[in-house]
Amino acid sequence: MRNSIKVERAKRNITQEELANQIQISRQSINAIETGKFVPSTILALKIARYFGATVEQIFELEATD
């Protein structure tokens, strides 16, 4: 799964730590989501999307399968 969290953070000039604090998770979790090492729960994906004023589909994208 791809995501645009890093891009959205850059647009708002916020750090991983600031985003993590806003949605009440660890900075390490944000890093793991951004790098694709961790797929967030539905609730967490909704919280991230809400923070950015976007839909889940605007932030997260399933990668094509062969």
C-alpha atoms as a PDB file:
ATOM      1  CA  MET A   1       0.000   0.000   0.000  1.00  0.00           C
ATOM      2  CA  ARG A   2       1.316   3.412  -0.966  1.00  0.00           C
ATOM      3  CA  ASN A   3       0.542   6.602   0.898  1.00  0.00           C
ATOM      4  CA  SER A   4       1.086  10.323   0.587  1.00  0.00           C
ATOM      5  CA  ILE A   5       1.629  11.102   4.266  1.00  0.00           C
ATOM      6  CA  LYS A   6       5.152  12.435   3.726  1.00  0.00           C
ATOM      7  CA  VAL A   7       3.915  14.723   0.942  1.00  0.00           C
ATOM      8  CA  GLU A   8       0.984  15.942   3.057  1.00  0.00           C
ATOM      9  CA  ARG A   9       3.305  16.597   5.984  1.00  0.00           C
ATOM     10  CA  ALA A  10       5.648  18.583   3.736  1.00  0.00           C
ATOM     11  CA  LYS A  11       2.758  20.714   2.452  1.00  0.00           C
ATOM     12  CA  ARG A  12       1.932  21.632   6.054  1.00  0.00           C
ATOM     13  CA  ASN A  13       5.558  21.788   7.200  1.00  0.00           C
ATOM     14  CA  ILE A  14       5.022  19.385  10.104  1.00  0.00           C
ATOM     15  CA  THR A  15       7.305  16.677  11.434  1.00  0.00           C
ATOM     16  CA  GLN A  16       6.505  13.034  12.000  1.00  0.00           C
ATOM     17  CA  GLU A  17       6.537  13.814  15.725  1.00  0.00           C
ATOM     18  CA  GLU A  18       3.960  16.605  15.357  1.00  0.00           C
ATOM     19  CA  LEU A  19       1.630  14.397  13.315  1.00  0.00           C
ATOM     20  CA  ALA A  20       2.069  11.525  15.755  1.00  0.00           C
ATOM     21  CA  ASN A  21       1.160  13.774  18.680  1.00  0.00           C
ATOM     22  CA  GLN A  22      -1.953  15.020  16.902  1.00  0.00           C
ATOM     23  CA  ILE A  23      -3.307  11.527  16.270  1.00  0.00           C
ATOM     24  CA  GLN A  24      -1.918  10.041  19.491  1.00  0.00           C
ATOM     25  CA  ILE A  25       0.494   7.427  18.167  1.00  0.00           C
ATOM     26  CA  SER A  26       4.286   7.162  18.206  1.00  0.00           C
ATOM     27  CA  ARG A  27       6.610   8.858  15.753  1.00  0.00           C
ATOM     28  CA  GLN A  28       7.998   5.418  14.963  1.00  0.00           C
ATOM     29  CA  SER A  29       4.515   4.313  13.862  1.00  0.00           C
ATOM     30  CA  ILE A  30       4.247   7.276  11.489  1.00  0.00           C
ATOM     31  CA  ASN A  31       7.657   6.400  10.068  1.00  0.00           C
ATOM     32  CA  ALA A  32       6.669   2.746   9.611  1.00  0.00           C
ATOM     33  CA  ILE A  33       3.443   3.731   7.825  1.00  0.00           C
ATOM     34  CA  GLU A  34       5.238   6.221   5.552  1.00  0.00           C
ATOM     35  CA  THR A  35       7.842   3.643   4.540  1.00  0.00           C
ATOM     36  CA  GLY A  36       5.275   0.899   3.943  1.00  0.00           C
ATOM     37  CA  LYS A  37       6.512  -1.320   6.759  1.00  0.00           C
ATOM     38  CA  PHE A  38       3.204  -1.067   8.609  1.00  0.00           C
ATOM     39  CA  VAL A  39      -0.355  -0.963   7.283  1.00  0.00           C
ATOM     40  CA  PRO A  40      -2.544   1.137   9.580  1.00  0.00           C
ATOM     41  CA  SER A  41      -5.852  -0.040  10.961  1.00  0.00           C
ATOM     42  CA  THR A  42      -9.011   1.414   9.483  1.00  0.00           C
ATOM     43  CA  ILE A  43      -9.429   3.678  12.498  1.00  0.00           C
ATOM     44  CA  LEU A  44      -5.864   4.961  12.256  1.00  0.00           C
ATOM     45  CA  ALA A  45      -6.185   5.538   8.501  1.00  0.00           C
ATOM     46  CA  LEU A  46      -9.371   7.522   9.152  1.00  0.00           C
ATOM     47  CA  LYS A  47      -7.642   9.617  11.830  1.00  0.00           C
ATOM     48  CA  ILE A  48      -4.749  10.411   9.485  1.00  0.00           C
ATOM     49  CA  ALA A  49      -7.088  11.325   6.638  1.00  0.00           C
ATOM     50  CA  ARG A  50      -9.226  13.488   8.920  1.00  0.00           C
ATOM     51  CA  TYR A  51      -6.142  15.324  10.173  1.00  0.00           C
ATOM     52  CA  PHE A  52      -5.211  16.207   6.584  1.00  0.00           C
ATOM     53  CA  GLY A  53      -8.796  17.071   5.622  1.00  0.00           C
ATOM     54  CA  ALA A  54      -8.809  14.314   3.020  1.00  0.00           C
ATOM     55  CA  THR A  55     -10.458  10.990   2.334  1.00  0.00           C
ATOM     56  CA  VAL A  56      -8.669   7.732   3.097  1.00  0.00           C
ATOM     57  CA  GLU A  57      -8.463   7.119  -0.654  1.00  0.00           C
ATOM     58  CA  GLN A  58      -6.635  10.425  -1.132  1.00  0.00           C
ATOM     59  CA  ILE A  59      -3.970   9.424   1.405  1.00  0.00           C
ATOM     60  CA  PHE A  60      -3.717   5.656   0.895  1.00  0.00           C
ATOM     61  CA  GLU A  61      -3.623   3.711  -2.375  1.00  0.00           C
ATOM     62  CA  LEU A  62      -3.546  -0.005  -2.964  1.00  0.00           C
ATOM     63  CA  GLU A  63      -0.724  -1.021  -5.241  1.00  0.00           C
ATOM     64  CA  ALA A  64      -1.654  -2.940  -8.367  1.00  0.00           C
ATOM     65  CA  THR A  65      -1.290  -6.685  -8.157  1.00  0.00           C
ATOM     66  CA  ASP A  66      -0.155  -8.835 -11.048  1.00  0.00           C
END
